């Protein structure tokens, strides 16, 4: 226990506390699990607690015998069957006692000097299927100063031991591997082979080469209980020397700082990795939103080109009518047909039959085709977006990154993706093409009729064409009739023919402009309405994605910086500890 510290140690302790407090605040801000926050808090408390030594291993590895040998007396029960079904904490007392504390932990006390400054945690076997393992890995291991991992020489480094060691590896603890029961070997080559195997396997699993100490707890106990000749062969002397060096004042202080910092570093690294994985998801989501935006941009460009092409077909109907009018006036407005020109009604009927002809019906048909195309393209765009969202949802379901158990990020993201997908699908399922087309057609008719002052939406586009064209015939034939009656037809007819052609061009041009403007405005209105509906459907998801992308970018920067700071602190401690 750290009781008296010099000024340099106090400064280091303050730095460690400040750094770990910053890590704690960052973990809280970025939604660390309660278990991880508790583990860090426990490690910070450890700065002012006794040294904690945790013993782990399979039940038949001889953990209890090892602890008894370390203590120099038989404090724990030993046996060939599992003797430790729960976590036991050994503490100092003048007498040997057994009790259970308020947390349900089994406490054993004994009058052993080692226990004055060190608490020893004896654990159930790693191959025992019990919930105490979860408690061990989330409570005691993060708080431990040193982990002694016991494996048996006759069954070294089993699969269950590997699995358990991998669960505690990321806490960044100092681990010493004890190969127990080495007295079963009659030849030193057998022992060397087992030690080499364990060292290699541990290095591959941990990423570093740990201390591997071959011992015989049974021989060490006998040596301490009256058979000193067995002490050398027990292998306990180098082990106790290692522990003594580790537990001296300077080493203990270094570990007291290193272990909480190791936990802080491990958690900062873990949540930095979570942030990176979530950013990967966010990048995919941002890419999806960007794809939708690009898809809409291409769609608008294609729609504009398609609209212009279809409008040119409508305009070609008017151009053909204009050409027929030119021919009609050439054939009709001449001296040889003066008597025909006196019959105004006949001229008008002939104009409607030969010039107007089926132009109104063609205009109606072409405009309706344009509107149907517009509605169909809008529907197809919704289908395309719905399909893209459904594809993204399937990808999300099959590839969940970034610790789905941490915080509400994944639930919020899934909920919003589902909401957008459902809204897009609802639009597709309820899309009424006839109703949409009728609404656009009504808007277009109203706009053209209003521009022509022709009586509102009840007037069809074809009727408007007829009205515009027939007005030309009425005007021209009325003037011609008056001219003939006055006897000046010979002089007036050529001029009136030119005037009639110009008037027809003017009237058809005005109609073309009104029709183009009305349909163009309605096209833009329909496009904007579709864009707005789609934007409203995607908006909650888009806001979430952009906000979370900023949040997890900040988290990654902050946590990566904290991981690097703790790494540098640990490196400085390690350097200071070297002679």
Protein backbone atom coordinates (compact mmCIF):
# COMPACT_ATOMS: atom_id res chain seq x y z
CA UNK A 1 0.00 0.00 0.00
CA UNK A 2 1.30 3.47 -0.91
CA UNK A 3 1.69 5.21 2.44
CA UNK A 4 4.54 7.73 2.09
CA UNK A 5 5.45 9.23 -1.25
CA UNK A 6 8.14 11.69 -2.15
CA UNK A 7 7.38 14.78 -4.21
CA UNK A 8 8.18 13.12 -7.54
CA UNK A 9 5.88 10.20 -6.74
CA UNK A 10 3.12 12.57 -5.67
CA UNK A 11 3.46 14.44 -8.95
CA UNK A 12 3.25 11.21 -10.95
CA UNK A 13 0.24 10.12 -8.93
CA UNK A 14 -1.51 13.43 -9.61
CA UNK A 15 -0.74 13.15 -13.32
CA UNK A 16 -2.11 9.61 -13.40
CA UNK A 17 -5.30 10.68 -11.62
CA UNK A 18 -5.77 13.65 -13.97
CA UNK A 19 -5.23 11.50 -17.05
CA UNK A 20 -7.57 8.75 -15.84
CA UNK A 21 -10.21 11.36 -14.93
CA UNK A 22 -10.00 12.63 -18.51
CA UNK A 23 -10.37 9.08 -19.82
CA UNK A 24 -13.36 8.58 -17.49
CA UNK A 25 -15.05 11.75 -18.75
CA UNK A 26 -14.46 10.76 -22.37
CA UNK A 27 -15.88 7.29 -21.78
CA UNK A 28 -18.95 8.80 -20.14
CA UNK A 29 -19.42 11.27 -22.99
CA UNK A 30 -19.16 8.59 -25.64
CA UNK A 31 -21.44 6.08 -23.97
CA UNK A 32 -19.14 3.46 -22.44
CA UNK A 33 -20.98 0.55 -20.85
CA UNK A 34 -21.61 0.70 -17.09
CA UNK A 35 -19.31 -2.33 -16.69
CA UNK A 36 -16.42 -0.54 -18.41
CA UNK A 37 -16.99 2.65 -16.45
CA UNK A 38 -17.09 0.63 -13.24
CA UNK A 39 -13.89 -1.18 -14.20
CA UNK A 40 -12.09 2.12 -14.76
CA UNK A 41 -13.44 3.58 -11.51
CA UNK A 42 -12.24 0.48 -9.66
CA UNK A 43 -8.80 0.81 -11.21
CA UNK A 44 -8.58 4.45 -10.17
CA UNK A 45 -9.51 3.48 -6.59
CA UNK A 46 -6.77 0.90 -6.77
CA UNK A 47 -4.21 3.72 -6.63
CA UNK A 48 -4.87 3.95 -2.89
CA UNK A 49 -5.58 0.28 -2.18
CA UNK A 50 -3.43 -2.69 -1.20
CA UNK A 51 -1.56 -4.57 -3.89
CA UNK A 52 -3.93 -7.07 -5.56
CA UNK A 53 -2.54 -10.40 -6.79
CA UNK A 54 -4.99 -12.52 -8.85
CA UNK A 55 -4.48 -16.27 -9.31
CA UNK A 56 -6.21 -17.90 -12.30
CA UNK A 57 -6.01 -21.30 -14.01
CA UNK A 58 -7.87 -24.59 -14.46
CA UNK A 59 -9.20 -26.34 -11.36
CA UNK A 60 -6.70 -29.19 -11.66
CA UNK A 61 -3.70 -26.91 -12.19
CA UNK A 62 -3.02 -26.79 -8.44
CA UNK A 63 -4.00 -23.18 -7.72
CA UNK A 64 -4.93 -23.77 -4.08
CA UNK A 65 -1.73 -25.74 -3.49
CA UNK A 66 0.23 -22.94 -5.14
CA UNK A 67 -1.34 -20.30 -2.87
CA UNK A 68 -0.64 -22.44 0.21
CA UNK A 69 2.97 -22.86 -0.90
CA UNK A 70 3.28 -19.12 -1.45
CA UNK A 71 1.85 -18.38 2.00
CA UNK A 72 3.95 -21.10 3.66
CA UNK A 73 0.96 -22.72 5.38
CA UNK A 74 -2.16 -24.65 4.48
CA UNK A 75 -4.78 -21.90 4.37
CA UNK A 76 -6.88 -23.13 1.45
CA UNK A 77 -8.42 -26.56 0.99
CA UNK A 78 -6.75 -28.73 -1.64
CA UNK A 79 -8.04 -31.75 -3.57
CA UNK A 80 -8.19 -33.62 -6.88
CA UNK A 81 -11.71 -32.35 -7.48
CA UNK A 82 -12.64 -28.66 -7.79
CA UNK A 83 -12.25 -27.04 -4.38
CA UNK A 84 -12.87 -23.39 -5.34
CA UNK A 85 -16.41 -22.81 -6.63
CA UNK A 86 -16.32 -19.08 -6.01
CA UNK A 87 -13.90 -16.21 -5.84
CA UNK A 88 -11.90 -16.09 -2.60
CA UNK A 89 -9.94 -13.08 -1.35
CA UNK A 90 -7.14 -13.74 1.11
CA UNK A 91 -6.35 -10.94 3.57
CA UNK A 92 -4.21 -10.49 6.63
CA UNK A 93 -5.55 -11.17 10.13
CA UNK A 94 -4.14 -12.47 13.40
CA UNK A 95 -6.33 -15.55 13.02
CA UNK A 96 -7.56 -17.80 10.23
CA UNK A 97 -11.19 -16.94 9.47
CA UNK A 98 -13.69 -17.44 6.68
CA UNK A 99 -16.62 -15.14 5.90
CA UNK A 100 -18.62 -13.59 3.08
CA UNK A 101 -18.55 -9.85 2.57
CA UNK A 102 -21.44 -7.58 1.52
CA UNK A 103 -20.67 -8.21 -2.15
CA UNK A 104 -20.91 -11.98 -1.79
CA UNK A 105 -17.15 -12.50 -2.04
CA UNK A 106 -15.68 -15.30 0.12
CA UNK A 107 -13.00 -13.76 2.39
CA UNK A 108 -10.28 -15.87 4.00
CA UNK A 109 -7.90 -14.32 6.54
CA UNK A 110 -4.60 -15.69 7.86
CA UNK A 111 -1.64 -14.39 9.94
CA UNK A 112 0.78 -14.32 6.99
CA UNK A 113 3.15 -11.34 6.58
CA UNK A 114 2.77 -11.33 2.79
CA UNK A 115 -0.93 -10.51 3.22
CA UNK A 116 -0.21 -7.28 5.11
CA UNK A 117 0.53 -5.47 1.84
CA UNK A 118 -0.94 -7.89 -0.68
CA UNK A 119 -4.44 -9.26 -1.13
CA UNK A 120 -4.54 -12.54 -3.05
CA UNK A 121 -7.57 -13.46 -5.15
CA UNK A 122 -8.04 -17.21 -5.67
CA UNK A 123 -10.47 -18.04 -8.47
CA UNK A 124 -12.59 -20.93 -9.75
CA UNK A 125 -11.08 -23.02 -12.52
CA UNK A 126 -11.15 -21.50 -15.98
CA UNK A 127 -12.86 -24.69 -17.13
CA UNK A 128 -15.71 -24.30 -14.63
CA UNK A 129 -18.92 -23.07 -16.22
CA UNK A 130 -20.00 -20.49 -13.65
CA UNK A 131 -20.95 -16.85 -13.60
CA UNK A 132 -18.04 -16.01 -11.30
CA UNK A 133 -15.84 -15.86 -14.41
CA UNK A 134 -17.77 -12.85 -15.67
CA UNK A 135 -17.35 -11.17 -12.31
CA UNK A 136 -13.66 -12.05 -12.28
CA UNK A 137 -13.01 -10.50 -15.68
CA UNK A 138 -15.11 -7.36 -15.06
CA UNK A 139 -14.24 -6.69 -11.40
CA UNK A 140 -11.06 -8.25 -10.10
CA UNK A 141 -8.86 -8.51 -13.19
CA UNK A 142 -9.17 -4.79 -14.08
CA UNK A 143 -8.21 -3.91 -10.49
CA UNK A 144 -5.37 -6.42 -10.24
CA UNK A 145 -1.75 -5.34 -10.04
CA UNK A 146 -0.37 -8.69 -11.09
CA UNK A 147 -1.98 -11.82 -12.59
CA UNK A 148 -0.41 -15.24 -11.94
CA UNK A 149 -1.75 -17.63 -14.54
CA UNK A 150 -1.32 -21.24 -13.33
CA UNK A 151 -1.14 -24.05 -15.88
CA UNK A 152 -0.39 -27.70 -15.18
CA UNK A 153 2.76 -29.34 -16.54
CA UNK A 154 0.79 -32.46 -17.46
CA UNK A 155 -1.81 -30.47 -19.45
CA UNK A 156 -0.09 -27.19 -20.36
CA UNK A 157 -1.97 -24.29 -21.90
CA UNK A 158 -5.29 -25.99 -22.61
CA UNK A 159 -7.95 -24.56 -24.89
CA UNK A 160 -10.07 -23.28 -21.98
CA UNK A 161 -6.96 -21.60 -20.57
CA UNK A 162 -6.29 -19.96 -23.92
CA UNK A 163 -9.86 -18.71 -24.16
CA UNK A 164 -9.86 -17.31 -20.63
CA UNK A 165 -6.46 -15.68 -21.04
CA UNK A 166 -7.67 -14.01 -24.24
CA UNK A 167 -10.58 -12.43 -22.31
CA UNK A 168 -8.23 -10.75 -19.82
CA UNK A 169 -5.47 -9.97 -22.32
CA UNK A 170 -6.89 -6.62 -23.42
CA UNK A 171 -6.84 -5.18 -19.90
CA UNK A 172 -3.12 -4.62 -20.28
CA UNK A 173 -2.18 -6.39 -17.04
CA UNK A 174 1.23 -7.75 -16.13
CA UNK A 175 0.83 -11.53 -16.43
CA UNK A 176 3.26 -14.14 -15.12
CA UNK A 177 2.64 -17.70 -16.26
CA UNK A 178 3.32 -20.43 -13.70
CA UNK A 179 3.87 -23.98 -14.95
CA UNK A 180 2.99 -26.08 -11.86
CA UNK A 181 3.59 -29.79 -11.08
CA UNK A 182 7.00 -29.90 -12.79
CA UNK A 183 8.02 -32.61 -10.34
CA UNK A 184 6.24 -35.12 -12.60
CA UNK A 185 9.17 -34.93 -15.05
CA UNK A 186 12.11 -37.28 -14.60
CA UNK A 187 14.21 -35.61 -17.30
CA UNK A 188 15.04 -31.92 -17.64
CA UNK A 189 14.50 -32.10 -21.41
CA UNK A 190 10.81 -32.82 -20.83
CA UNK A 191 10.51 -29.77 -18.61
CA UNK A 192 12.34 -27.56 -21.11
CA UNK A 193 10.05 -28.76 -23.89
CA UNK A 194 6.90 -27.88 -21.90
CA UNK A 195 8.26 -24.47 -20.85
CA UNK A 196 9.19 -23.65 -24.45
CA UNK A 197 5.74 -24.70 -25.63
CA UNK A 198 4.00 -22.53 -23.02
CA UNK A 199 6.25 -19.54 -23.71
CA UNK A 200 5.62 -19.71 -27.46
CA UNK A 201 1.87 -20.21 -27.07
CA UNK A 202 1.62 -17.34 -24.58
CA UNK A 203 3.66 -15.02 -26.81
CA UNK A 204 1.42 -15.82 -29.79
CA UNK A 205 -1.70 -15.14 -27.74
CA UNK A 206 -0.56 -12.08 -25.77
CA UNK A 207 1.65 -10.46 -28.37
CA UNK A 208 4.51 -10.19 -25.84
CA UNK A 209 6.74 -12.77 -24.20
CA UNK A 210 5.65 -13.12 -20.56
CA UNK A 211 7.67 -14.49 -17.65
CA UNK A 212 7.22 -18.29 -17.52
CA UNK A 213 8.14 -19.82 -14.16
CA UNK A 214 8.27 -23.66 -13.76
CA UNK A 215 7.48 -24.68 -10.17
CA UNK A 216 6.26 -27.52 -7.98
CA UNK A 217 3.87 -26.20 -5.35
CA UNK A 218 3.85 -29.61 -3.64
CA UNK A 219 7.64 -29.65 -3.21
CA UNK A 220 7.65 -25.98 -2.09
CA UNK A 221 5.09 -26.74 0.64
CA UNK A 222 7.11 -29.69 1.89
CA UNK A 223 10.29 -27.58 1.81
CA UNK A 224 8.69 -24.86 3.92
CA UNK A 225 7.28 -27.44 6.33
CA UNK A 226 10.53 -29.17 7.25
CA UNK A 227 12.15 -30.64 4.11
CA UNK A 228 14.50 -27.82 2.98
CA UNK A 229 16.35 -30.15 0.61
CA UNK A 230 13.36 -29.94 -1.72
CA UNK A 231 13.46 -26.14 -1.96
CA UNK A 232 15.82 -25.86 -4.92
CA UNK A 233 13.93 -28.39 -7.02
CA UNK A 234 10.58 -26.69 -6.26
CA UNK A 235 11.50 -23.70 -8.44
CA UNK A 236 9.92 -21.35 -5.91
CA UNK A 237 13.10 -19.42 -5.14
CA UNK A 238 13.29 -17.59 -8.52
CA UNK A 239 9.51 -17.09 -8.40
CA UNK A 240 9.59 -15.50 -4.94
CA UNK A 241 12.58 -13.40 -5.99
CA UNK A 242 10.56 -12.14 -8.98
CA UNK A 243 7.61 -11.37 -6.71
CA UNK A 244 9.88 -9.66 -4.20
CA UNK A 245 11.35 -7.45 -6.91
CA UNK A 246 7.87 -6.72 -8.21
CA UNK A 247 6.51 -5.95 -4.74
CA UNK A 248 9.29 -3.72 -3.48
CA UNK A 249 8.39 -0.10 -2.85
CA UNK A 250 9.56 1.22 -6.22
CA UNK A 251 8.15 -1.70 -8.22
CA UNK A 252 4.86 -1.64 -6.34
CA UNK A 253 4.42 2.09 -6.96
CA UNK A 254 5.16 1.62 -10.66
CA UNK A 255 2.59 -1.17 -10.89
CA UNK A 256 0.10 0.86 -8.88
CA UNK A 257 0.25 3.47 -11.61
CA UNK A 258 0.79 1.13 -14.54
CA UNK A 259 -2.22 -1.06 -13.94
CA UNK A 260 -4.92 1.65 -13.78
CA UNK A 261 -3.22 3.37 -16.70
CA UNK A 262 -3.23 0.05 -18.53
CA UNK A 263 -6.98 -0.24 -17.95
CA UNK A 264 -7.44 3.37 -19.11
CA UNK A 265 -5.35 2.70 -22.19
CA UNK A 266 -7.24 -0.51 -22.95
CA UNK A 267 -10.61 1.23 -22.64
CA UNK A 268 -9.47 4.23 -24.67
CA UNK A 269 -8.20 1.84 -27.35
CA UNK A 270 -11.40 -0.18 -27.25
CA UNK A 271 -13.70 2.81 -27.66
CA UNK A 272 -11.39 4.40 -30.21
CA UNK A 273 -11.78 1.18 -32.21
CA UNK A 274 -15.54 1.29 -31.67
CA UNK A 275 -15.55 4.90 -32.90
CA UNK A 276 -13.52 3.88 -35.95
CA UNK A 277 -15.93 1.05 -36.74
CA UNK A 278 -18.93 3.31 -36.31
CA UNK A 279 -17.29 5.87 -38.54
CA UNK A 280 -16.94 3.12 -41.13
CA UNK A 281 -20.70 2.62 -40.91
CA UNK A 282 -21.22 6.37 -41.03
CA UNK A 283 -19.08 6.59 -44.16
CA UNK A 284 -21.28 3.95 -45.76
CA UNK A 285 -24.36 5.88 -44.66
CA UNK A 286 -22.94 9.17 -45.93
CA UNK A 287 -22.11 7.38 -49.16
CA UNK A 288 -25.72 6.19 -49.34
CA UNK A 289 -26.99 9.75 -48.86
CA UNK A 290 -24.47 10.99 -51.42
CA UNK A 291 -25.59 8.23 -53.82
CA UNK A 292 -29.20 9.30 -53.37
CA UNK A 293 -28.24 12.94 -53.99
CA UNK A 294 -26.29 11.99 -57.12
CA UNK A 295 -29.10 9.74 -58.22
CA UNK A 296 -31.54 12.62 -57.83
CA UNK A 297 -29.21 15.01 -59.68
CA UNK A 298 -28.91 12.59 -62.61
CA UNK A 299 -32.65 12.02 -62.43
CA UNK A 300 -33.29 15.78 -62.66
CA UNK A 301 -30.92 16.11 -65.61
CA UNK A 302 -32.54 13.16 -67.38
CA UNK A 303 -35.98 14.56 -66.63
CA UNK A 304 -35.06 17.96 -68.02
CA UNK A 305 -33.77 16.41 -71.24
CA UNK A 306 -36.81 14.14 -71.45
CA UNK A 307 -39.18 17.04 -70.84
CA UNK A 308 -37.54 19.16 -73.54
CA UNK A 309 -37.74 16.27 -75.99
CA UNK A 310 -41.43 15.69 -75.28
CA UNK A 311 -42.19 19.41 -75.42
CA UNK A 312 -40.56 19.51 -78.85
CA UNK A 313 -43.10 16.90 -79.96
CA UNK A 314 -45.93 19.12 -78.65
CA UNK A 315 -44.41 22.12 -80.39
CA UNK A 316 -44.10 20.16 -83.62
CA UNK A 317 -47.89 19.72 -83.65
CA UNK A 318 -48.28 23.50 -83.46
CA UNK A 319 -45.58 23.98 -86.13
CA UNK A 320 -47.42 21.62 -88.47
CA UNK A 321 -50.66 23.52 -87.83
CA UNK A 322 -48.84 26.75 -88.59
CA UNK A 323 -47.55 25.30 -91.87
CA UNK A 324 -51.05 24.16 -92.82
CA UNK A 325 -52.32 27.67 -92.05
CA UNK A 326 -49.74 29.19 -94.38
CA UNK A 327 -50.85 26.90 -97.20
CA UNK A 328 -54.50 27.56 -96.40
CA UNK A 329 -54.13 31.32 -96.66
CA UNK A 330 -52.19 30.96 -99.92
CA UNK A 331 -54.95 28.82 -101.39
CA UNK A 332 -57.93 30.68 -99.93
CA UNK A 333 -57.10 34.35 -99.73
CA UNK A 334 -56.90 35.16 -103.45
CA UNK A 335 -59.05 37.03 -106.05
CA UNK A 336 -60.26 33.83 -107.68
CA UNK A 337 -62.07 32.85 -104.48
CA UNK A 338 -63.73 36.20 -103.81
CA UNK A 339 -67.19 34.68 -103.88
CA UNK A 340 -66.12 31.98 -101.41
CA UNK A 341 -64.72 34.63 -99.11
CA UNK A 342 -68.16 36.23 -98.93
CA UNK A 343 -69.31 33.09 -97.09
CA UNK A 344 -67.63 33.75 -93.77
CA UNK A 345 -68.97 30.64 -92.01
CA UNK A 346 -67.77 28.43 -94.83
CA UNK A 347 -64.24 29.89 -94.70
CA UNK A 348 -64.10 29.36 -90.96
CA UNK A 349 -65.25 25.76 -91.24
CA UNK A 350 -62.72 25.14 -93.97
CA UNK A 351 -60.01 26.73 -91.79
CA UNK A 352 -60.91 24.50 -88.86
CA UNK A 353 -61.01 21.40 -91.06
CA UNK A 354 -57.78 22.03 -92.95
CA UNK A 355 -55.66 24.04 -90.54
CA UNK A 356 -56.80 23.19 -87.05
CA UNK A 357 -57.65 19.64 -88.12
CA UNK A 358 -56.71 17.16 -85.38
CA UNK A 359 -54.17 19.48 -83.72
CA UNK A 360 -56.28 19.88 -80.53
CA UNK A 361 -56.53 16.11 -80.08
CA UNK A 362 -52.83 15.68 -80.81
CA UNK A 363 -51.96 18.39 -78.31
CA UNK A 364 -54.17 16.77 -75.68
CA UNK A 365 -52.64 13.36 -76.40
CA UNK A 366 -49.05 14.55 -76.44
CA UNK A 367 -49.46 16.57 -73.25
CA UNK A 368 -51.15 13.64 -71.54
CA UNK A 369 -48.30 11.40 -72.66
CA UNK A 370 -45.83 13.94 -71.24
CA UNK A 371 -47.69 14.02 -67.94
CA UNK A 372 -47.92 10.22 -67.78
CA UNK A 373 -44.18 10.03 -68.44
CA UNK A 374 -43.51 12.58 -65.72
CA UNK A 375 -45.59 10.66 -63.18
CA UNK A 376 -44.08 7.34 -64.19
CA UNK A 377 -40.54 8.67 -63.82
CA UNK A 378 -41.38 10.07 -60.38
CA UNK A 379 -42.73 6.68 -59.35
CA UNK A 380 -39.66 4.90 -60.69
CA UNK A 381 -37.43 7.29 -58.76
CA UNK A 382 -39.21 6.41 -55.52
CA UNK A 383 -38.81 2.73 -56.40
CA UNK A 384 -35.08 3.23 -56.99
CA UNK A 385 -34.60 5.01 -53.65
CA UNK A 386 -36.67 2.37 -51.84
CA UNK A 387 -34.58 -0.38 -53.42
CA UNK A 388 -31.33 1.35 -52.41
CA UNK A 389 -32.53 1.79 -48.83
CA UNK A 390 -33.64 -1.85 -48.64
CA UNK A 391 -30.25 -2.94 -49.94
CA UNK A 392 -28.53 -0.83 -47.27
CA UNK A 393 -30.74 -2.31 -44.56
CA UNK A 394 -29.76 -5.82 -45.64
CA UNK A 395 -26.10 -4.82 -45.56
CA UNK A 396 -26.56 -3.35 -42.08
CA UNK A 397 -28.28 -6.49 -40.80
CA UNK A 398 -25.46 -8.72 -42.03
CA UNK A 399 -22.58 -6.46 -40.95
CA UNK A 400 -22.98 -4.86 -37.52
CA UNK A 401 -19.79 -3.06 -36.50
CA UNK A 402 -18.87 -0.91 -33.56
CA UNK A 403 -19.97 -2.86 -30.45
CA UNK A 404 -23.76 -3.18 -30.84
CA UNK A 405 -24.04 -3.64 -27.06
CA UNK A 406 -22.59 -0.18 -26.35
CA UNK A 407 -25.08 2.69 -26.14
CA UNK A 408 -28.17 3.27 -28.29
CA UNK A 409 -26.27 4.07 -31.52
CA UNK A 410 -27.21 0.88 -33.37
CA UNK A 411 -30.82 0.92 -32.18
CA UNK A 412 -31.24 4.57 -33.18
CA UNK A 413 -29.61 3.97 -36.52
CA UNK A 414 -31.69 0.85 -37.27
CA UNK A 415 -34.87 2.62 -36.19
CA UNK A 416 -34.24 5.58 -38.48
CA UNK A 417 -33.21 3.36 -41.40
CA UNK A 418 -36.40 1.33 -40.91
CA UNK A 419 -38.45 4.53 -40.68
CA UNK A 420 -37.03 5.95 -43.91
CA UNK A 421 -37.40 2.59 -45.63
CA UNK A 422 -41.00 2.23 -44.47
CA UNK A 423 -41.89 5.76 -45.58
CA UNK A 424 -40.34 5.25 -49.01
CA UNK A 425 -42.10 1.90 -49.35
CA UNK A 426 -45.39 3.47 -48.22
CA UNK A 427 -45.10 6.09 -50.95
CA UNK A 428 -44.43 3.37 -53.53
CA UNK A 429 -47.28 1.18 -52.28
CA UNK A 430 -49.81 4.04 -52.22
CA UNK A 431 -48.61 5.85 -55.34
CA UNK A 432 -51.70 6.56 -57.47
CA UNK A 433 -50.47 7.36 -60.94
CA UNK A 434 -53.90 8.36 -62.22
CA UNK A 435 -54.46 10.79 -59.38
CA UNK A 436 -50.96 12.27 -59.71
CA UNK A 437 -51.40 12.68 -63.49
CA UNK A 438 -54.83 14.25 -63.11
CA UNK A 439 -53.47 16.75 -60.58
CA UNK A 440 -50.63 17.78 -62.89
CA UNK A 441 -52.98 18.04 -65.90
CA UNK A 442 -55.41 20.22 -63.95
CA UNK A 443 -52.59 22.50 -62.90
CA UNK A 444 -51.35 22.80 -66.48
CA UNK A 445 -54.83 23.50 -67.89
CA UNK A 446 -55.49 26.10 -65.24
CA UNK A 447 -52.19 27.84 -65.96
CA UNK A 448 -52.71 27.91 -69.75
CA UNK A 449 -56.34 28.98 -69.45
CA UNK A 450 -55.48 31.73 -66.99
CA UNK A 451 -52.81 33.07 -69.33
CA UNK A 452 -55.31 33.01 -72.20
CA UNK A 453 -58.16 34.42 -70.06
CA UNK A 454 -60.22 31.51 -71.35
CA UNK A 455 -62.31 30.59 -68.37
CA UNK A 456 -60.25 28.49 -65.99
CA UNK A 457 -59.52 24.81 -65.54
CA UNK A 458 -62.73 23.61 -67.21
CA UNK A 459 -61.29 24.51 -70.64
CA UNK A 460 -59.22 21.69 -72.16
CA UNK A 461 -55.87 22.24 -73.83
CA UNK A 462 -57.32 21.12 -77.16
CA UNK A 463 -60.13 23.64 -76.83
CA UNK A 464 -57.59 26.37 -76.17
CA UNK A 465 -55.77 25.42 -79.37
CA UNK A 466 -59.07 25.57 -81.30
CA UNK A 467 -59.94 28.94 -79.81
CA UNK A 468 -56.56 30.43 -80.62
CA UNK A 469 -56.52 29.15 -84.19
CA UNK A 470 -60.17 29.94 -84.97
CA UNK A 471 -59.70 33.51 -83.77
CA UNK A 472 -57.25 34.00 -86.60
CA UNK A 473 -59.78 32.77 -89.18
CA UNK A 474 -62.57 34.93 -87.75
CA UNK A 475 -60.44 38.04 -87.73
CA UNK A 476 -59.11 37.57 -91.24
CA UNK A 477 -62.39 36.56 -92.88
CA UNK A 478 -64.24 39.44 -91.21
CA UNK A 479 -61.81 42.00 -92.58
CA UNK A 480 -61.78 40.38 -96.01
CA UNK A 481 -65.53 40.30 -96.17
CA UNK A 482 -65.73 44.03 -95.44
CA UNK A 483 -63.08 44.72 -98.08
CA UNK A 484 -64.90 42.75 -100.79
CA UNK A 485 -68.21 44.44 -100.02
CA UNK A 486 -66.53 47.83 -100.40
CA UNK A 487 -65.07 46.76 -103.76
CA UNK A 488 -61.43 47.02 -102.75
CA UNK A 489 -60.75 43.29 -102.50
CA UNK A 490 -58.35 43.33 -105.43
CA UNK A 491 -56.10 45.71 -103.57
CA UNK A 492 -56.57 44.43 -100.05
CA UNK A 493 -56.39 40.65 -100.40
CA UNK A 494 -52.58 40.23 -100.82
CA UNK A 495 -51.93 42.47 -97.86
CA UNK A 496 -54.54 40.70 -95.79
CA UNK A 497 -53.05 37.34 -96.72
CA UNK A 498 -49.69 38.47 -95.39
CA UNK A 499 -51.40 39.86 -92.29
CA UNK A 500 -53.30 36.58 -91.80
CA UNK A 501 -50.10 34.55 -91.92
CA UNK A 502 -48.39 36.88 -89.47
CA UNK A 503 -51.40 36.78 -87.16
CA UNK A 504 -51.46 32.98 -87.27
CA UNK A 505 -47.75 32.86 -86.46
CA UNK A 506 -48.30 35.31 -83.62
CA UNK A 507 -51.29 33.44 -82.19
CA UNK A 508 -49.65 30.02 -82.45
CA UNK A 509 -46.43 31.45 -81.02
CA UNK A 510 -48.33 32.90 -78.07
CA UNK A 511 -50.10 29.57 -77.57
CA UNK A 512 -46.79 27.76 -77.80
CA UNK A 513 -45.28 30.12 -75.22
CA UNK A 514 -48.25 29.77 -72.87
CA UNK A 515 -48.28 26.03 -73.22
CA UNK A 516 -44.53 25.74 -72.77
CA UNK A 517 -44.51 28.08 -69.80
CA UNK A 518 -47.43 26.35 -68.11
CA UNK A 519 -46.11 22.85 -68.65
CA UNK A 520 -42.58 23.94 -67.76
CA UNK A 521 -43.78 25.53 -64.52
CA UNK A 522 -45.83 22.47 -63.69
CA UNK A 523 -42.86 20.26 -64.50
CA UNK A 524 -40.68 22.27 -62.11
CA UNK A 525 -43.41 22.26 -59.46
CA UNK A 526 -43.84 18.49 -59.72
CA UNK A 527 -40.09 17.98 -59.59
CA UNK A 528 -39.74 20.20 -56.53
CA UNK A 529 -42.66 18.51 -54.82
CA UNK A 530 -41.13 15.10 -55.46
CA UNK A 531 -37.73 16.29 -54.24
CA UNK A 532 -39.26 17.78 -51.10
CA UNK A 533 -41.24 14.63 -50.32
CA UNK A 534 -38.15 12.52 -50.70
CA UNK A 535 -36.05 14.95 -48.65
CA UNK A 536 -38.64 14.91 -45.86
CA UNK A 537 -38.62 11.11 -45.83
CA UNK A 538 -34.83 10.91 -45.63
CA UNK A 539 -34.25 13.99 -43.43
CA UNK A 540 -34.36 12.32 -39.95
CA UNK A 541 -31.91 9.66 -41.07
CA UNK A 542 -29.66 12.23 -42.79
CA UNK A 543 -29.58 14.43 -39.68
CA UNK A 544 -28.73 11.43 -37.51
CA UNK A 545 -25.94 10.28 -39.84
CA UNK A 546 -24.31 13.70 -40.03
CA UNK A 547 -24.58 14.31 -36.30
CA UNK A 548 -23.22 10.86 -35.44
CA UNK A 549 -20.41 11.22 -37.96
CA UNK A 550 -19.31 14.41 -36.18
CA UNK A 551 -19.74 12.78 -32.77
CA UNK A 552 -17.71 9.67 -33.54
CA UNK A 553 -15.05 11.65 -35.37
CA UNK A 554 -14.61 13.67 -32.18
CA UNK A 555 -14.64 10.45 -30.16
CA UNK A 556 -11.95 8.84 -32.28
CA UNK A 557 -9.71 11.89 -32.10
CA UNK A 558 -10.20 12.27 -28.33
CA UNK A 559 -9.81 8.59 -27.46
CA UNK A 560 -6.86 8.06 -29.78
CA UNK A 561 -5.12 11.02 -28.16
CA UNK A 562 -5.86 9.60 -24.69
CA UNK A 563 -4.57 6.18 -25.70
CA UNK A 564 -1.36 7.77 -26.95
CA UNK A 565 -1.01 9.83 -23.74
CA UNK A 566 -1.44 6.74 -21.54
CA UNK A 567 1.01 4.81 -23.73
CA UNK A 568 3.59 7.58 -23.34
CA UNK A 569 3.00 7.70 -19.57
CA UNK A 570 3.46 3.93 -19.31
CA UNK A 571 6.61 4.08 -21.41
CA UNK A 572 8.03 6.79 -19.13
CA UNK A 573 7.23 4.66 -16.07
CA UNK A 574 8.94 1.67 -17.63
CA UNK A 575 12.02 3.71 -18.48
CA UNK A 576 12.19 5.15 -14.98
CA UNK A 577 12.00 1.64 -13.49
CA UNK A 578 15.07 0.42 -15.38
CA UNK A 579 18.34 0.58 -13.40
